[in-house]
């Protein structure tokens, strides 16, 4: 059991550390707001979105895949559309010659971005042991472990952003990094769109 929990914790930490839409937004939060009590709300929003997403996937994925496979495709397509929206919002939120005027990302924006983040589906499909979401005695330990992992990782991404915001010139940390993050999210969305198209074409 200890080996299994260690494997789950390591898997969760590895995937959560990988740069992606949510981590890019946490980095942006650190740049704009620093590491403080207010920025903690973003990590709470990330945690809540993942819990909701994983619970919904875990309970219903088998039925969706066998009876209503189109729902899975539609959900992924919605995720892609929202990621493109976040990418464009970040790209155009920075005013030329007016550093620090970026509108930034709100807590609801990060919540929805995480709610549509495919990492949640990965956790349900490849990390959670079979039957995790069918029994409360299995579900609670998994979510407690997930909680213990996600908060330090989320705070680490905000701390990195706060460090960049202090050390880099304002025009770099604001304009350059915001648009770099925008590109990362946009490329991630393009990859997801290609994956959806492949599933539809070769279905």
C-alpha atoms as a PDB file:
ATOM      1  CA  UNK A   1       0.000   0.000   0.000  1.00  0.00           C
ATOM      2  CA  UNK A   2       2.843   2.395   0.858  1.00  0.00           C
ATOM      3  CA  UNK A   3       4.492   1.685  -2.494  1.00  0.00           C
ATOM      4  CA  UNK A   4       1.205   2.345  -4.288  1.00  0.00           C
ATOM      5  CA  UNK A   5       0.650   5.640  -2.467  1.00  0.00           C
ATOM      6  CA  UNK A   6       4.230   6.696  -3.197  1.00  0.00           C
ATOM      7  CA  UNK A   7       3.712   5.897  -6.874  1.00  0.00           C
ATOM      8  CA  UNK A   8       0.460   7.882  -6.955  1.00  0.00           C
ATOM      9  CA  UNK A   9       2.042  10.862  -5.181  1.00  0.00           C
ATOM     10  CA  UNK A  10       5.050  10.856  -7.523  1.00  0.00           C
ATOM     11  CA  UNK A  11       2.818  10.566 -10.592  1.00  0.00           C
ATOM     12  CA  UNK A  12       0.585  13.400  -9.426  1.00  0.00           C
ATOM     13  CA  UNK A  13       3.539  15.648  -8.642  1.00  0.00           C
ATOM     14  CA  UNK A  14       5.277  14.931 -11.956  1.00  0.00           C
ATOM     15  CA  UNK A  15       2.215  15.739 -14.070  1.00  0.00           C
ATOM     16  CA  UNK A  16       1.227  18.773 -11.995  1.00  0.00           C
ATOM     17  CA  UNK A  17       4.728  20.232 -12.381  1.00  0.00           C
ATOM     18  CA  UNK A  18       4.600  19.990 -16.177  1.00  0.00           C
ATOM     19  CA  UNK A  19       4.046  23.440 -17.756  1.00  0.00           C
ATOM     20  CA  UNK A  20       0.542  23.805 -19.120  1.00  0.00           C
ATOM     21  CA  UNK A  21      -2.451  26.155 -19.135  1.00  0.00           C
ATOM     22  CA  UNK A  22      -3.069  26.204 -15.376  1.00  0.00           C
ATOM     23  CA  UNK A  23       0.591  26.443 -14.391  1.00  0.00           C
ATOM     24  CA  UNK A  24       1.104  29.214 -16.940  1.00  0.00           C
ATOM     25  CA  UNK A  25      -1.732  31.165 -15.335  1.00  0.00           C
ATOM     26  CA  UNK A  26      -0.316  30.550 -11.847  1.00  0.00           C
ATOM     27  CA  UNK A  27       3.032  31.857 -13.083  1.00  0.00           C
ATOM     28  CA  UNK A  28       1.247  34.915 -14.472  1.00  0.00           C
ATOM     29  CA  UNK A  29      -0.474  35.383 -11.105  1.00  0.00           C
ATOM     30  CA  UNK A  30       2.878  35.390  -9.328  1.00  0.00           C
ATOM     31  CA  UNK A  31       4.244  37.972 -11.754  1.00  0.00           C
ATOM     32  CA  UNK A  32       1.264  40.291 -11.358  1.00  0.00           C
ATOM     33  CA  UNK A  33       0.355  39.811  -7.688  1.00  0.00           C
ATOM     34  CA  UNK A  34       3.334  38.194  -5.986  1.00  0.00           C
ATOM     35  CA  UNK A  35       3.236  35.382  -3.419  1.00  0.00           C
ATOM     36  CA  UNK A  36       0.783  36.388  -0.697  1.00  0.00           C
ATOM     37  CA  UNK A  37      -2.489  35.420   0.953  1.00  0.00           C
ATOM     38  CA  UNK A  38      -4.553  36.810  -1.943  1.00  0.00           C
ATOM     39  CA  UNK A  39      -2.702  34.729  -4.520  1.00  0.00           C
ATOM     40  CA  UNK A  40      -3.548  31.646  -2.442  1.00  0.00           C
ATOM     41  CA  UNK A  41      -7.098  31.936  -3.811  1.00  0.00           C
ATOM     42  CA  UNK A  42      -5.812  30.869  -7.210  1.00  0.00           C
ATOM     43  CA  UNK A  43      -4.391  27.618  -5.828  1.00  0.00           C
ATOM     44  CA  UNK A  44      -7.678  26.942  -4.014  1.00  0.00           C
ATOM     45  CA  UNK A  45      -9.542  27.534  -7.291  1.00  0.00           C
ATOM     46  CA  UNK A  46      -7.168  25.143  -9.071  1.00  0.00           C
ATOM     47  CA  UNK A  47      -7.686  22.469  -6.406  1.00  0.00           C
ATOM     48  CA  UNK A  48     -11.478  22.806  -6.439  1.00  0.00           C
ATOM     49  CA  UNK A  49     -11.643  22.669 -10.244  1.00  0.00           C
ATOM     50  CA  UNK A  50      -9.529  19.514 -10.362  1.00  0.00           C
ATOM     51  CA  UNK A  51     -11.602  17.835  -7.632  1.00  0.00           C
ATOM     52  CA  UNK A  52     -14.840  18.590  -9.490  1.00  0.00           C
ATOM     53  CA  UNK A  53     -13.421  17.562 -12.846  1.00  0.00           C
ATOM     54  CA  UNK A  54     -11.850  14.315 -11.644  1.00  0.00           C
ATOM     55  CA  UNK A  55     -14.948  13.327  -9.686  1.00  0.00           C
ATOM     56  CA  UNK A  56     -17.180  13.865 -12.711  1.00  0.00           C
ATOM     57  CA  UNK A  57     -14.820  12.008 -15.039  1.00  0.00           C
ATOM     58  CA  UNK A  58     -14.215   9.200 -12.581  1.00  0.00           C
ATOM     59  CA  UNK A  59     -17.886   8.505 -11.943  1.00  0.00           C
ATOM     60  CA  UNK A  60     -19.204   8.882 -15.475  1.00  0.00           C
ATOM     61  CA  UNK A  61     -16.388   8.144 -17.925  1.00  0.00           C
ATOM     62  CA  UNK A  62     -17.263   4.486 -18.481  1.00  0.00           C
ATOM     63  CA  UNK A  63     -20.877   5.303 -19.369  1.00  0.00           C
ATOM     64  CA  UNK A  64     -19.845   8.225 -21.557  1.00  0.00           C
ATOM     65  CA  UNK A  65     -17.330   6.168 -23.492  1.00  0.00           C
ATOM     66  CA  UNK A  66     -19.702   3.283 -24.164  1.00  0.00           C
ATOM     67  CA  UNK A  67     -23.056   5.009 -24.661  1.00  0.00           C
ATOM     68  CA  UNK A  68     -22.335   8.645 -25.524  1.00  0.00           C
ATOM     69  CA  UNK A  69     -18.823   8.945 -26.908  1.00  0.00           C
ATOM     70  CA  UNK A  70     -19.715  12.248 -28.629  1.00  0.00           C
ATOM     71  CA  UNK A  71     -20.019  13.911 -25.207  1.00  0.00           C
ATOM     72  CA  UNK A  72     -16.316  13.301 -24.578  1.00  0.00           C
ATOM     73  CA  UNK A  73     -15.419  14.898 -27.926  1.00  0.00           C
ATOM     74  CA  UNK A  74     -17.707  17.866 -27.235  1.00  0.00           C
ATOM     75  CA  UNK A  75     -16.145  18.391 -23.801  1.00  0.00           C
ATOM     76  CA  UNK A  76     -12.642  18.371 -25.253  1.00  0.00           C
ATOM     77  CA  UNK A  77     -13.683  20.817 -27.980  1.00  0.00           C
ATOM     78  CA  UNK A  78     -15.074  23.196 -25.347  1.00  0.00           C
ATOM     79  CA  UNK A  79     -11.770  22.940 -23.484  1.00  0.00           C
ATOM     80  CA  UNK A  80      -9.860  23.887 -26.643  1.00  0.00           C
ATOM     81  CA  UNK A  81     -12.109  26.895 -27.297  1.00  0.00           C
ATOM     82  CA  UNK A  82     -11.645  28.204 -23.766  1.00  0.00           C
ATOM     83  CA  UNK A  83      -7.876  27.733 -23.897  1.00  0.00           C
ATOM     84  CA  UNK A  84      -7.755  29.773 -27.105  1.00  0.00           C
ATOM     85  CA  UNK A  85      -9.809  32.448 -25.325  1.00  0.00           C
ATOM     86  CA  UNK A  86      -7.383  32.528 -22.379  1.00  0.00           C
ATOM     87  CA  UNK A  87      -4.419  32.664 -24.774  1.00  0.00           C
ATOM     88  CA  UNK A  88      -5.862  35.630 -26.688  1.00  0.00           C
ATOM     89  CA  UNK A  89      -6.865  37.398 -23.475  1.00  0.00           C
ATOM     90  CA  UNK A  90      -3.309  37.164 -22.162  1.00  0.00           C
ATOM     91  CA  UNK A  91      -1.807  38.257 -25.491  1.00  0.00           C
ATOM     92  CA  UNK A  92      -3.906  41.417 -25.778  1.00  0.00           C
ATOM     93  CA  UNK A  93      -4.041  42.275 -22.059  1.00  0.00           C
ATOM     94  CA  UNK A  94      -0.571  43.868 -22.133  1.00  0.00           C
ATOM     95  CA  UNK A  95      -0.447  47.486 -23.331  1.00  0.00           C
ATOM     96  CA  UNK A  96       2.601  48.590 -25.294  1.00  0.00           C
ATOM     97  CA  UNK A  97       4.656  51.190 -23.410  1.00  0.00           C
ATOM     98  CA  UNK A  98       2.396  50.855 -20.377  1.00  0.00           C
ATOM     99  CA  UNK A  99       4.025  48.153 -18.248  1.00  0.00           C
ATOM    100  CA  UNK A 100       1.996  46.810 -15.393  1.00  0.00           C
ATOM    101  CA  UNK A 101      -1.349  47.716 -16.960  1.00  0.00           C
ATOM    102  CA  UNK A 102      -2.176  44.130 -17.818  1.00  0.00           C
ATOM    103  CA  UNK A 103      -5.690  43.142 -16.839  1.00  0.00           C
ATOM    104  CA  UNK A 104      -4.313  39.826 -15.675  1.00  0.00           C
ATOM    105  CA  UNK A 105      -6.287  36.667 -15.055  1.00  0.00           C
ATOM    106  CA  UNK A 106      -9.152  36.422 -12.577  1.00  0.00           C
ATOM    107  CA  UNK A 107      -9.834  33.554 -10.175  1.00  0.00           C
ATOM    108  CA  UNK A 108     -12.881  32.417 -12.235  1.00  0.00           C
ATOM    109  CA  UNK A 109     -10.725  32.410 -15.392  1.00  0.00           C
ATOM    110  CA  UNK A 110      -8.213  30.087 -13.763  1.00  0.00           C
ATOM    111  CA  UNK A 111     -11.004  27.925 -12.322  1.00  0.00           C
ATOM    112  CA  UNK A 112     -12.592  27.328 -15.741  1.00  0.00           C
ATOM    113  CA  UNK A 113      -9.201  26.824 -17.402  1.00  0.00           C
ATOM    114  CA  UNK A 114      -8.384  24.134 -14.833  1.00  0.00           C
ATOM    115  CA  UNK A 115     -11.863  22.624 -15.102  1.00  0.00           C
ATOM    116  CA  UNK A 116     -11.140  21.994 -18.804  1.00  0.00           C
ATOM    117  CA  UNK A 117      -7.502  20.991 -18.297  1.00  0.00           C
ATOM    118  CA  UNK A 118      -6.940  17.464 -19.695  1.00  0.00           C
ATOM    119  CA  UNK A 119      -4.602  16.648 -16.807  1.00  0.00           C
ATOM    120  CA  UNK A 120      -7.707  15.814 -14.771  1.00  0.00           C
ATOM    121  CA  UNK A 121      -8.727  13.185 -17.291  1.00  0.00           C
ATOM    122  CA  UNK A 122      -5.171  11.833 -17.255  1.00  0.00           C
ATOM    123  CA  UNK A 123      -5.241  11.490 -13.458  1.00  0.00           C
ATOM    124  CA  UNK A 124      -8.525   9.579 -13.609  1.00  0.00           C
ATOM    125  CA  UNK A 125      -7.440   7.323 -16.472  1.00  0.00           C
ATOM    126  CA  UNK A 126      -3.831   6.551 -15.566  1.00  0.00           C
ATOM    127  CA  UNK A 127      -3.076   7.496 -11.941  1.00  0.00           C
ATOM    128  CA  UNK A 128      -6.143   6.678  -9.839  1.00  0.00           C
ATOM    129  CA  UNK A 129      -6.394   2.942  -9.042  1.00  0.00           C
ATOM    130  CA  UNK A 130      -9.416   1.075 -10.470  1.00  0.00           C
ATOM    131  CA  UNK A 131     -12.520   1.602  -8.362  1.00  0.00           C
ATOM    132  CA  UNK A 132     -11.265   4.816  -6.746  1.00  0.00           C
ATOM    133  CA  UNK A 133     -14.414   6.768  -7.608  1.00  0.00           C
ATOM    134  CA  UNK A 134     -16.840   3.963  -6.829  1.00  0.00           C
ATOM    135  CA  UNK A 135     -16.095   3.733  -3.115  1.00  0.00           C
ATOM    136  CA  UNK A 136     -15.821   6.508  -0.535  1.00  0.00           C
ATOM    137  CA  UNK A 137     -13.126   4.550   1.314  1.00  0.00           C
ATOM    138  CA  UNK A 138     -10.973   4.688  -1.827  1.00  0.00           C
ATOM    139  CA  UNK A 139     -12.037   8.138  -3.014  1.00  0.00           C
ATOM    140  CA  UNK A 140     -11.189  10.079   0.161  1.00  0.00           C
ATOM    141  CA  UNK A 141      -7.565   8.847   0.560  1.00  0.00           C
ATOM    142  CA  UNK A 142      -6.869   9.583  -3.121  1.00  0.00           C
ATOM    143  CA  UNK A 143      -8.257  13.113  -2.862  1.00  0.00           C
ATOM    144  CA  UNK A 144      -6.392  13.743   0.400  1.00  0.00           C
ATOM    145  CA  UNK A 145      -3.146  12.725  -1.282  1.00  0.00           C
ATOM    146  CA  UNK A 146      -3.994  14.878  -4.289  1.00  0.00           C
ATOM    147  CA  UNK A 147      -4.629  17.839  -1.967  1.00  0.00           C
ATOM    148  CA  UNK A 148      -1.300  17.319  -0.207  1.00  0.00           C
ATOM    149  CA  UNK A 149       0.498  17.436  -3.568  1.00  0.00           C
ATOM    150  CA  UNK A 150      -1.325  20.169  -5.481  1.00  0.00           C
ATOM    151  CA  UNK A 151      -1.003  22.992  -2.940  1.00  0.00           C
ATOM    152  CA  UNK A 152       2.832  22.974  -2.721  1.00  0.00           C
ATOM    153  CA  UNK A 153       3.113  22.638  -6.509  1.00  0.00           C
ATOM    154  CA  UNK A 154       0.666  25.481  -7.157  1.00  0.00           C
ATOM    155  CA  UNK A 155       2.407  27.752  -4.661  1.00  0.00           C
ATOM    156  CA  UNK A 156       5.759  26.899  -6.250  1.00  0.00           C
ATOM    157  CA  UNK A 157       4.545  28.136  -9.644  1.00  0.00           C
ATOM    158  CA  UNK A 158       3.281  31.382  -8.087  1.00  0.00           C
ATOM    159  CA  UNK A 159       6.585  31.799  -6.236  1.00  0.00           C
ATOM    160  CA  UNK A 160       8.511  31.398  -9.503  1.00  0.00           C
ATOM    161  CA  UNK A 161       6.322  34.074 -11.060  1.00  0.00           C
ATOM    162  CA  UNK A 162       6.847  36.382  -8.085  1.00  0.00           C
ATOM    163  CA  UNK A 163      10.614  35.890  -8.356  1.00  0.00           C
ATOM    164  CA  UNK A 164      10.517  36.720 -12.072  1.00  0.00           C
ATOM    165  CA  UNK A 165       8.411  39.786 -11.363  1.00  0.00           C
ATOM    166  CA  UNK A 166      10.991  41.123  -8.898  1.00  0.00           C
ATOM    167  CA  UNK A 167      14.153  40.237 -10.763  1.00  0.00           C
ATOM    168  CA  UNK A 168      13.268  41.004 -14.370  1.00  0.00           C
ATOM    169  CA  UNK A 169      12.748  44.409 -15.902  1.00  0.00           C
ATOM    170  CA  UNK A 170       9.075  45.419 -15.910  1.00  0.00           C
ATOM    171  CA  UNK A 171       8.748  45.405 -19.703  1.00  0.00           C
ATOM    172  CA  UNK A 172      10.176  41.878 -19.792  1.00  0.00           C
ATOM    173  CA  UNK A 173       8.156  40.402 -16.930  1.00  0.00           C
ATOM    174  CA  UNK A 174       4.991  42.054 -18.177  1.00  0.00           C
ATOM    175  CA  UNK A 175       4.938  42.177 -21.965  1.00  0.00           C
ATOM    176  CA  UNK A 176       7.375  39.409 -22.889  1.00  0.00           C
ATOM    177  CA  UNK A 177       6.377  36.826 -20.291  1.00  0.00           C
ATOM    178  CA  UNK A 178       2.644  37.419 -20.732  1.00  0.00           C
ATOM    179  CA  UNK A 179       2.928  36.798 -24.448  1.00  0.00           C
ATOM    180  CA  UNK A 180       5.272  33.844 -23.950  1.00  0.00           C
ATOM    181  CA  UNK A 181       2.699  32.273 -21.621  1.00  0.00           C
ATOM    182  CA  UNK A 182       0.003  33.084 -24.176  1.00  0.00           C
ATOM    183  CA  UNK A 183       1.969  31.183 -26.830  1.00  0.00           C
ATOM    184  CA  UNK A 184       2.431  28.167 -24.532  1.00  0.00           C
ATOM    185  CA  UNK A 185      -1.320  27.975 -23.912  1.00  0.00           C
ATOM    186  CA  UNK A 186      -2.083  28.506 -27.610  1.00  0.00           C
ATOM    187  CA  UNK A 187       0.294  25.741 -28.696  1.00  0.00           C
ATOM    188  CA  UNK A 188      -1.176  23.416 -26.073  1.00  0.00           C
ATOM    189  CA  UNK A 189      -4.667  24.154 -27.420  1.00  0.00           C
ATOM    190  CA  UNK A 190      -3.487  23.471 -30.993  1.00  0.00           C
ATOM    191  CA  UNK A 191      -2.157  20.086 -29.888  1.00  0.00           C
ATOM    192  CA  UNK A 192      -5.474  19.254 -28.246  1.00  0.00           C
ATOM    193  CA  UNK A 193      -7.353  20.336 -31.392  1.00  0.00           C
ATOM    194  CA  UNK A 194      -5.178  18.044 -33.515  1.00  0.00           C
ATOM    195  CA  UNK A 195      -5.856  15.181 -31.096  1.00  0.00           C
ATOM    196  CA  UNK A 196      -9.623  15.752 -31.327  1.00  0.00           C
ATOM    197  CA  UNK A 197      -9.474  15.910 -35.126  1.00  0.00           C
ATOM    198  CA  UNK A 198      -7.512  12.641 -35.212  1.00  0.00           C
ATOM    199  CA  UNK A 199     -10.112  10.926 -33.026  1.00  0.00           C
ATOM    200  CA  UNK A 200     -12.957  12.121 -35.260  1.00  0.00           C
ATOM    201  CA  UNK A 201     -11.237  11.254 -38.553  1.00  0.00           C
ATOM    202  CA  UNK A 202     -10.007   7.820 -37.502  1.00  0.00           C
ATOM    203  CA  UNK A 203     -13.018   6.872 -35.352  1.00  0.00           C
END
